[in-house]
């Protein structure tokens, strides 16, 4: 029986996981990791050490959190000066 015909309670992670995994090393520059995430339209990259052991996962959320912390001093906080939008009917 294929994964699409089995009920959710019968499926396992192995039934639906991605088999062609794109990964990075802990030394991969963030710019390159971000490029891979966007290019392959994925939300996370396993971080592997030289022997292939997974030591973590770098997610889009991780990158956004880093960017917000790194640049919080250069950009005003969102909604610090809220704007009002008015729509006119014709």
PDB file of N, CA and C in Angstrom:
ATOM      1  N   UNK A   1       0.850  -1.180   0.000  1.00  0.00           N
ATOM      2  CA  UNK A   1       0.000   0.000   0.000  1.00  0.00           C
ATOM      3  C   UNK A   1       0.894   1.240   0.000  1.00  0.00           C
ATOM      4  N   UNK A   2       0.573   2.209  -0.826  1.00  0.00           N
ATOM      5  CA  UNK A   2       1.393   3.417  -0.898  1.00  0.00           C
ATOM      6  C   UNK A   2       1.069   4.350   0.263  1.00  0.00           C
ATOM      7  N   UNK A   3       1.994   5.288   0.521  1.00  0.00           N
ATOM      8  CA  UNK A   3       1.811   6.240   1.611  1.00  0.00           C
ATOM      9  C   UNK A   3       0.551   7.075   1.427  1.00  0.00           C
ATOM     10  N   UNK A   4       0.168   7.341   0.184  1.00  0.00           N
ATOM     11  CA  UNK A   4      -1.016   8.171  -0.061  1.00  0.00           C
ATOM     12  C   UNK A   4      -2.313   7.446   0.256  1.00  0.00           C
ATOM     13  N   UNK A   5      -2.298   6.149   0.301  1.00  0.00           N
ATOM     14  CA  UNK A   5      -3.518   5.385   0.568  1.00  0.00           C
ATOM     15  C   UNK A   5      -3.609   4.949   2.027  1.00  0.00           C
ATOM     16  N   UNK A   6      -2.573   5.126   2.793  1.00  0.00           N
ATOM     17  CA  UNK A   6      -2.593   4.723   4.197  1.00  0.00           C
ATOM     18  C   UNK A   6      -3.062   5.883   5.059  1.00  0.00           C
ATOM     19  N   UNK A   7      -3.680   5.570   6.171  1.00  0.00           N
ATOM     20  CA  UNK A   7      -4.167   6.634   7.051  1.00  0.00           C
ATOM     21  C   UNK A   7      -3.001   7.273   7.795  1.00  0.00           C
ATOM     22  N   UNK A   8      -3.234   8.475   8.261  1.00  0.00           N
ATOM     23  CA  UNK A   8      -2.200   9.229   8.964  1.00  0.00           C
ATOM     24  C   UNK A   8      -1.691   8.476  10.188  1.00  0.00           C
ATOM     25  N   UNK A   9      -2.546   7.717  10.835  1.00  0.00           N
ATOM     26  CA  UNK A   9      -2.128   6.971  12.024  1.00  0.00           C
ATOM     27  C   UNK A   9      -1.224   5.792  11.682  1.00  0.00           C
ATOM     28  N   UNK A  10      -1.240   5.358  10.432  1.00  0.00           N
ATOM     29  CA  UNK A  10      -0.402   4.229  10.019  1.00  0.00           C
ATOM     30  C   UNK A  10       0.937   4.662   9.438  1.00  0.00           C
ATOM     31  N   UNK A  11       1.032   5.912   9.008  1.00  0.00           N
ATOM     32  CA  UNK A  11       2.254   6.391   8.360  1.00  0.00           C
ATOM     33  C   UNK A  11       3.360   6.647   9.363  1.00  0.00           C
ATOM     34  N   UNK A  12       4.590   6.509   8.892  1.00  0.00           N
ATOM     35  CA  UNK A  12       5.755   6.829   9.710  1.00  0.00           C
ATOM     36  C   UNK A  12       6.515   7.976   9.054  1.00  0.00           C
ATOM     37  N   UNK A  13       7.430   8.564   9.790  1.00  0.00           N
ATOM     38  CA  UNK A  13       8.261   9.630   9.231  1.00  0.00           C
ATOM     39  C   UNK A  13       9.020   9.122   8.009  1.00  0.00           C
ATOM     40  N   UNK A  14       9.476   7.884   8.062  1.00  0.00           N
ATOM     41  CA  UNK A  14      10.207   7.296   6.949  1.00  0.00           C
ATOM     42  C   UNK A  14       9.385   7.150   5.681  1.00  0.00           C
ATOM     43  N   UNK A  15       8.065   7.054   5.842  1.00  0.00           N
ATOM     44  CA  UNK A  15       7.186   6.934   4.679  1.00  0.00           C
ATOM     45  C   UNK A  15       7.104   8.224   3.870  1.00  0.00           C
ATOM     46  N   UNK A  16       7.251   9.353   4.516  1.00  0.00           N
ATOM     47  CA  UNK A  16       7.022  10.632   3.836  1.00  0.00           C
ATOM     48  C   UNK A  16       8.237  11.560   3.819  1.00  0.00           C
ATOM     49  N   UNK A  17       9.343  11.138   4.383  1.00  0.00           N
ATOM     50  CA  UNK A  17      10.526  12.006   4.473  1.00  0.00           C
ATOM     51  C   UNK A  17      11.152  12.269   3.106  1.00  0.00           C
ATOM     52  N   UNK A  18      11.936  13.318   3.036  1.00  0.00           N
ATOM     53  CA  UNK A  18      12.729  13.610   1.840  1.00  0.00           C
ATOM     54  C   UNK A  18      13.926  12.679   1.834  1.00  0.00           C
ATOM     55  N   UNK A  19      14.184  12.069   0.706  1.00  0.00           N
ATOM     56  CA  UNK A  19      15.302  11.125   0.634  1.00  0.00           C
ATOM     57  C   UNK A  19      16.572  11.765   0.093  1.00  0.00           C
ATOM     58  N   UNK A  20      16.423  12.803  -0.707  1.00  0.00           N
ATOM     59  CA  UNK A  20      17.593  13.518  -1.218  1.00  0.00           C
ATOM     60  C   UNK A  20      17.817  14.731  -0.321  1.00  0.00           C
ATOM     61  N   UNK A  21      18.649  14.555   0.694  1.00  0.00           N
ATOM     62  CA  UNK A  21      18.843  15.581   1.712  1.00  0.00           C
ATOM     63  C   UNK A  21      19.995  16.504   1.333  1.00  0.00           C
ATOM     64  N   UNK A  22      19.727  17.793   1.390  1.00  0.00           N
ATOM     65  CA  UNK A  22      20.756  18.805   1.168  1.00  0.00           C
ATOM     66  C   UNK A  22      21.240  19.210   2.545  1.00  0.00           C
ATOM     67  N   UNK A  23      22.549  19.170   2.761  1.00  0.00           N
ATOM     68  CA  UNK A  23      23.093  19.502   4.076  1.00  0.00           C
ATOM     69  C   UNK A  23      24.262  20.467   3.938  1.00  0.00           C
ATOM     70  N   UNK A  24      24.679  21.015   5.069  1.00  0.00           N
ATOM     71  CA  UNK A  24      25.827  21.919   5.120  1.00  0.00           C
ATOM     72  C   UNK A  24      26.729  21.495   6.267  1.00  0.00           C
ATOM     73  N   UNK A  25      27.964  21.984   6.244  1.00  0.00           N
ATOM     74  CA  UNK A  25      28.864  21.749   7.375  1.00  0.00           C
ATOM     75  C   UNK A  25      28.739  22.924   8.335  1.00  0.00           C
ATOM     76  N   UNK A  26      29.290  22.768   9.528  1.00  0.00           N
ATOM     77  CA  UNK A  26      29.218  23.863  10.500  1.00  0.00           C
ATOM     78  C   UNK A  26      30.062  25.061  10.065  1.00  0.00           C
ATOM     79  N   UNK A  27      30.898  24.884   9.050  1.00  0.00           N
ATOM     80  CA  UNK A  27      31.735  25.979   8.549  1.00  0.00           C
ATOM     81  C   UNK A  27      31.132  26.683   7.325  1.00  0.00           C
ATOM     82  N   UNK A  28      29.979  26.243   6.863  1.00  0.00           N
ATOM     83  CA  UNK A  28      29.336  26.870   5.702  1.00  0.00           C
ATOM     84  C   UNK A  28      28.927  28.297   6.059  1.00  0.00           C
ATOM     85  N   UNK A  29      29.311  29.283   5.241  1.00  0.00           N
ATOM     86  CA  UNK A  29      28.892  30.668   5.515  1.00  0.00           C
ATOM     87  C   UNK A  29      27.364  30.798   5.487  1.00  0.00           C
ATOM     88  N   UNK A  30      26.820  31.658   6.350  1.00  0.00           N
ATOM     89  CA  UNK A  30      25.372  31.846   6.409  1.00  0.00           C
ATOM     90  C   UNK A  30      24.797  32.278   5.069  1.00  0.00           C
ATOM     91  N   UNK A  31      25.530  33.093   4.328  1.00  0.00           N
ATOM     92  CA  UNK A  31      25.049  33.538   3.011  1.00  0.00           C
ATOM     93  C   UNK A  31      24.811  32.330   2.102  1.00  0.00           C
ATOM     94  N   UNK A  32      25.732  31.375   2.109  1.00  0.00           N
ATOM     95  CA  UNK A  32      25.595  30.175   1.275  1.00  0.00           C
ATOM     96  C   UNK A  32      24.440  29.301   1.768  1.00  0.00           C
ATOM     97  N   UNK A  33      24.326  29.152   3.082  1.00  0.00           N
ATOM     98  CA  UNK A  33      23.226  28.360   3.636  1.00  0.00           C
ATOM     99  C   UNK A  33      21.883  28.986   3.259  1.00  0.00           C
ATOM    100  N   UNK A  34      21.787  30.302   3.358  1.00  0.00           N
ATOM    101  CA  UNK A  34      20.562  30.997   2.976  1.00  0.00           C
ATOM    102  C   UNK A  34      20.248  30.821   1.504  1.00  0.00           C
ATOM    103  N   UNK A  35      21.282  30.863   0.679  1.00  0.00           N
ATOM    104  CA  UNK A  35      21.105  30.661  -0.765  1.00  0.00           C
ATOM    105  C   UNK A  35      20.544  29.267  -1.037  1.00  0.00           C
ATOM    106  N   UNK A  36      21.066  28.266  -0.349  1.00  0.00           N
ATOM    107  CA  UNK A  36      20.590  26.891  -0.536  1.00  0.00           C
ATOM    108  C   UNK A  36      19.133  26.745  -0.092  1.00  0.00           C
ATOM    109  N   UNK A  37      18.788  27.363   1.022  1.00  0.00           N
ATOM    110  CA  UNK A  37      17.406  27.305   1.497  1.00  0.00           C
ATOM    111  C   UNK A  37      16.450  27.891   0.464  1.00  0.00           C
ATOM    112  N   UNK A  38      16.818  29.036  -0.102  1.00  0.00           N
ATOM    113  CA  UNK A  38      15.954  29.681  -1.099  1.00  0.00           C
ATOM    114  C   UNK A  38      15.938  28.914  -2.412  1.00  0.00           C
ATOM    115  N   UNK A  39      17.106  28.495  -2.874  1.00  0.00           N
ATOM    116  CA  UNK A  39      17.213  27.793  -4.152  1.00  0.00           C
ATOM    117  C   UNK A  39      16.370  26.522  -4.176  1.00  0.00           C
ATOM    118  N   UNK A  40      16.429  25.772  -3.092  1.00  0.00           N
ATOM    119  CA  UNK A  40      15.737  24.483  -3.036  1.00  0.00           C
ATOM    120  C   UNK A  40      14.356  24.577  -2.380  1.00  0.00           C
ATOM    121  N   UNK A  41      13.975  25.794  -1.992  1.00  0.00           N
ATOM    122  CA  UNK A  41      12.668  26.036  -1.369  1.00  0.00           C
ATOM    123  C   UNK A  41      12.413  25.083  -0.209  1.00  0.00           C
ATOM    124  N   UNK A  42      13.378  25.068   0.711  1.00  0.00           N
ATOM    125  CA  UNK A  42      13.274  24.224   1.899  1.00  0.00           C
ATOM    126  C   UNK A  42      13.346  25.107   3.138  1.00  0.00           C
ATOM    127  N   UNK A  43      12.893  24.590   4.250  1.00  0.00           N
ATOM    128  CA  UNK A  43      12.850  25.390   5.474  1.00  0.00           C
ATOM    129  C   UNK A  43      13.966  25.065   6.456  1.00  0.00           C
ATOM    130  N   UNK A  44      14.761  24.038   6.163  1.00  0.00           N
ATOM    131  CA  UNK A  44      15.840  23.683   7.071  1.00  0.00           C
ATOM    132  C   UNK A  44      16.930  22.882   6.391  1.00  0.00           C
ATOM    133  N   UNK A  45      18.137  23.015   6.939  1.00  0.00           N
ATOM    134  CA  UNK A  45      19.301  22.281   6.430  1.00  0.00           C
ATOM    135  C   UNK A  45      19.965  21.527   7.575  1.00  0.00           C
ATOM    136  N   UNK A  46      20.130  20.211   7.460  1.00  0.00           N
ATOM    137  CA  UNK A  46      20.914  19.502   8.461  1.00  0.00           C
ATOM    138  C   UNK A  46      22.356  20.013   8.430  1.00  0.00           C
ATOM    139  N   UNK A  47      22.928  20.193   9.600  1.00  0.00           N
ATOM    140  CA  UNK A  47      24.335  20.586   9.716  1.00  0.00           C
ATOM    141  C   UNK A  47      25.089  19.324  10.119  1.00  0.00           C
ATOM    142  N   UNK A  48      26.028  18.897   9.262  1.00  0.00           N
ATOM    143  CA  UNK A  48      26.740  17.644   9.504  1.00  0.00           C
ATOM    144  C   UNK A  48      28.226  17.899   9.707  1.00  0.00           C
ATOM    145  N   UNK A  49      28.841  17.042  10.504  1.00  0.00           N
ATOM    146  CA  UNK A  49      30.292  17.134  10.682  1.00  0.00           C
ATOM    147  C   UNK A  49      30.978  16.257   9.645  1.00  0.00           C
ATOM    148  N   UNK A  50      32.299  16.269   9.633  1.00  0.00           N
ATOM    149  CA  UNK A  50      33.081  15.599   8.588  1.00  0.00           C
ATOM    150  C   UNK A  50      32.676  14.139   8.375  1.00  0.00           C
ATOM    151  N   UNK A  51      32.361  13.416   9.425  1.00  0.00           N
ATOM    152  CA  UNK A  51      31.993  12.009   9.297  1.00  0.00           C
ATOM    153  C   UNK A  51      30.573  11.785   8.825  1.00  0.00           C
ATOM    154  N   UNK A  52      29.813  12.861   8.638  1.00  0.00           N
ATOM    155  CA  UNK A  52      28.438  12.737   8.180  1.00  0.00           C
ATOM    156  C   UNK A  52      27.409  12.724   9.296  1.00  0.00           C
ATOM    157  N   UNK A  53      27.864  12.831  10.546  1.00  0.00           N
ATOM    158  CA  UNK A  53      26.935  12.845  11.669  1.00  0.00           C
ATOM    159  C   UNK A  53      26.223  14.188  11.753  1.00  0.00           C
ATOM    160  N   UNK A  54      24.917  14.138  11.875  1.00  0.00           N
ATOM    161  CA  UNK A  54      24.129  15.366  11.993  1.00  0.00           C
ATOM    162  C   UNK A  54      24.325  15.940  13.397  1.00  0.00           C
ATOM    163  N   UNK A  55      24.742  17.214  13.446  1.00  0.00           N
ATOM    164  CA  UNK A  55      24.970  17.865  14.740  1.00  0.00           C
ATOM    165  C   UNK A  55      23.931  18.949  15.023  1.00  0.00           C
ATOM    166  N   UNK A  56      23.031  19.180  14.063  1.00  0.00           N
ATOM    167  CA  UNK A  56      21.990  20.180  14.258  1.00  0.00           C
ATOM    168  C   UNK A  56      21.254  20.456  12.967  1.00  0.00           C
ATOM    169  N   UNK A  57      20.340  21.408  13.036  1.00  0.00           N
ATOM    170  CA  UNK A  57      19.570  21.825  11.868  1.00  0.00           C
ATOM    171  C   UNK A  57      19.552  23.347  11.845  1.00  0.00           C
ATOM    172  N   UNK A  58      19.868  23.925  10.704  1.00  0.00           N
ATOM    173  CA  UNK A  58      19.787  25.369  10.507  1.00  0.00           C
ATOM    174  C   UNK A  58      18.482  25.649   9.778  1.00  0.00           C
ATOM    175  N   UNK A  59      17.602  26.422  10.402  1.00  0.00           N
ATOM    176  CA  UNK A  59      16.294  26.690   9.801  1.00  0.00           C
ATOM    177  C   UNK A  59      16.183  28.135   9.334  1.00  0.00           C
ATOM    178  N   UNK A  60      15.173  28.386   8.527  1.00  0.00           N
ATOM    179  CA  UNK A  60      14.883  29.751   8.097  1.00  0.00           C
ATOM    180  C   UNK A  60      14.635  30.614   9.331  1.00  0.00           C
ATOM    181  N   UNK A  61      13.955  30.071  10.327  1.00  0.00           N
ATOM    182  CA  UNK A  61      13.701  30.809  11.567  1.00  0.00           C
ATOM    183  C   UNK A  61      14.999  31.174  12.274  1.00  0.00           C
ATOM    184  N   UNK A  62      15.971  30.275  12.259  1.00  0.00           N
ATOM    185  CA  UNK A  62      17.277  30.570  12.864  1.00  0.00           C
ATOM    186  C   UNK A  62      17.923  31.763  12.180  1.00  0.00           C
ATOM    187  N   UNK A  63      17.875  31.794  10.851  1.00  0.00           N
ATOM    188  CA  UNK A  63      18.472  32.903  10.102  1.00  0.00           C
ATOM    189  C   UNK A  63      17.742  34.208  10.373  1.00  0.00           C
ATOM    190  N   UNK A  64      16.422  34.170  10.407  1.00  0.00           N
ATOM    191  CA  UNK A  64      15.651  35.381  10.692  1.00  0.00           C
ATOM    192  C   UNK A  64      15.921  35.894  12.100  1.00  0.00           C
ATOM    193  N   UNK A  65      15.982  34.987  13.067  1.00  0.00           N
ATOM    194  CA  UNK A  65      16.265  35.376  14.449  1.00  0.00           C
ATOM    195  C   UNK A  65      17.634  36.040  14.540  1.00  0.00           C
ATOM    196  N   UNK A  66      18.633  35.453  13.892  1.00  0.00           N
ATOM    197  CA  UNK A  66      19.977  36.031  13.890  1.00  0.00           C
ATOM    198  C   UNK A  66      19.958  37.416  13.256  1.00  0.00           C
ATOM    199  N   UNK A  67      19.293  37.542  12.097  1.00  0.00           N
ATOM    200  CA  UNK A  67      19.253  38.825  11.390  1.00  0.00           C
ATOM    201  C   UNK A  67      18.569  39.896  12.232  1.00  0.00           C
ATOM    202  N   UNK A  68      17.493  39.537  12.903  1.00  0.00           N
ATOM    203  CA  UNK A  68      16.783  40.509  13.738  1.00  0.00           C
ATOM    204  C   UNK A  68      17.650  40.957  14.910  1.00  0.00           C
ATOM    205  N   UNK A  69      18.364  40.033  15.530  1.00  0.00           N
ATOM    206  CA  UNK A  69      19.230  40.391  16.655  1.00  0.00           C
ATOM    207  C   UNK A  69      20.433  41.197  16.183  1.00  0.00           C
ATOM    208  N   UNK A  70      21.000  40.786  15.072  1.00  0.00           N
ATOM    209  CA  UNK A  70      22.200  41.426  14.545  1.00  0.00           C
ATOM    210  C   UNK A  70      21.931  42.859  14.100  1.00  0.00           C
ATOM    211  N   UNK A  71      20.755  43.098  13.548  1.00  0.00           N
ATOM    212  CA  UNK A  71      20.461  44.406  12.969  1.00  0.00           C
ATOM    213  C   UNK A  71      19.419  45.199  13.745  1.00  0.00           C
ATOM    214  N   UNK A  72      19.088  44.766  14.947  1.00  0.00           N
ATOM    215  CA  UNK A  72      18.046  45.461  15.709  1.00  0.00           C
ATOM    216  C   UNK A  72      18.442  46.891  16.051  1.00  0.00           C
ATOM    217  N   UNK A  73      19.723  47.169  16.140  1.00  0.00           N
ATOM    218  CA  UNK A  73      20.176  48.519  16.486  1.00  0.00           C
ATOM    219  C   UNK A  73      20.157  49.469  15.290  1.00  0.00           C
ATOM    220  N   UNK A  74      20.070  48.930  14.079  1.00  0.00           N
ATOM    221  CA  UNK A  74      20.111  49.791  12.893  1.00  0.00           C
ATOM    222  C   UNK A  74      18.742  50.046  12.283  1.00  0.00           C
ATOM    223  N   UNK A  75      17.745  49.267  12.674  1.00  0.00           N
ATOM    224  CA  UNK A  75      16.404  49.433  12.111  1.00  0.00           C
ATOM    225  C   UNK A  75      15.405  49.675  13.234  1.00  0.00           C
ATOM    226  N   UNK A  76      14.490  50.614  13.052  1.00  0.00           N
ATOM    227  CA  UNK A  76      13.469  50.833  14.081  1.00  0.00           C
ATOM    228  C   UNK A  76      12.584  49.602  14.219  1.00  0.00           C
ATOM    229  N   UNK A  77      12.041  49.440  15.393  1.00  0.00           N
ATOM    230  CA  UNK A  77      11.170  48.294  15.631  1.00  0.00           C
ATOM    231  C   UNK A  77       9.911  48.396  14.781  1.00  0.00           C
ATOM    232  N   UNK A  78       9.431  47.247  14.375  1.00  0.00           N
ATOM    233  CA  UNK A  78       8.202  47.204  13.584  1.00  0.00           C
ATOM    234  C   UNK A  78       7.063  47.784  14.417  1.00  0.00           C
ATOM    235  N   UNK A  79       6.267  48.596  13.793  1.00  0.00           N
ATOM    236  CA  UNK A  79       5.096  49.232  14.404  1.00  0.00           C
ATOM    237  C   UNK A  79       5.459  50.245  15.480  1.00  0.00           C
ATOM    238  N   UNK A  80       6.700  50.680  15.525  1.00  0.00           N
ATOM    239  CA  UNK A  80       7.064  51.723  16.472  1.00  0.00           C
ATOM    240  C   UNK A  80       6.346  53.016  16.095  1.00  0.00           C
ATOM    241  N   UNK A  81       6.198  53.241  14.803  1.00  0.00           N
ATOM    242  CA  UNK A  81       5.459  54.382  14.277  1.00  0.00           C
ATOM    243  C   UNK A  81       4.413  53.835  13.306  1.00  0.00           C
ATOM    244  N   UNK A  82       3.279  53.351  13.837  1.00  0.00           N
ATOM    245  CA  UNK A  82       2.289  52.729  12.952  1.00  0.00           C
ATOM    246  C   UNK A  82       1.754  53.696  11.901  1.00  0.00           C
ATOM    247  N   UNK A  83       1.463  53.150  10.765  1.00  0.00           N
ATOM    248  CA  UNK A  83       0.900  53.917   9.660  1.00  0.00           C
ATOM    249  C   UNK A  83      -0.563  53.545   9.486  1.00  0.00           C
ATOM    250  N   UNK A  84      -1.352  54.493   9.055  1.00  0.00           N
ATOM    251  CA  UNK A  84      -2.753  54.216   8.740  1.00  0.00           C
ATOM    252  C   UNK A  84      -2.923  54.237   7.235  1.00  0.00           C
ATOM    253  N   UNK A  85      -3.672  53.316   6.731  1.00  0.00           N
ATOM    254  CA  UNK A  85      -3.940  53.256   5.295  1.00  0.00           C
ATOM    255  C   UNK A  85      -5.422  53.510   5.075  1.00  0.00           C
ATOM    256  N   UNK A  86      -5.707  54.328   4.100  1.00  0.00           N
ATOM    257  CA  UNK A  86      -7.088  54.633   3.758  1.00  0.00           C
ATOM    258  C   UNK A  86      -7.328  54.227   2.314  1.00  0.00           C
ATOM    259  N   UNK A  87      -8.432  53.548   2.091  1.00  0.00           N
ATOM    260  CA  UNK A  87      -8.791  53.125   0.747  1.00  0.00           C
ATOM    261  C   UNK A  87      -9.982  53.954   0.292  1.00  0.00           C
ATOM    262  N   UNK A  88      -9.899  54.455  -0.896  1.00  0.00           N
ATOM    263  CA  UNK A  88     -10.981  55.265  -1.441  1.00  0.00           C
ATOM    264  C   UNK A  88     -11.780  54.431  -2.433  1.00  0.00           C
ATOM    265  N   UNK A  89     -13.080  54.520  -2.326  1.00  0.00           N
ATOM    266  CA  UNK A  89     -13.947  53.840  -3.290  1.00  0.00           C
ATOM    267  C   UNK A  89     -14.215  54.780  -4.439  1.00  0.00           C
ATOM    268  N   UNK A  90     -14.253  54.226  -5.623  1.00  0.00           N
ATOM    269  CA  UNK A  90     -14.535  55.036  -6.813  1.00  0.00           C
ATOM    270  C   UNK A  90     -15.993  54.988  -7.146  1.00  0.00           C
TER     271      UNK A  90
END
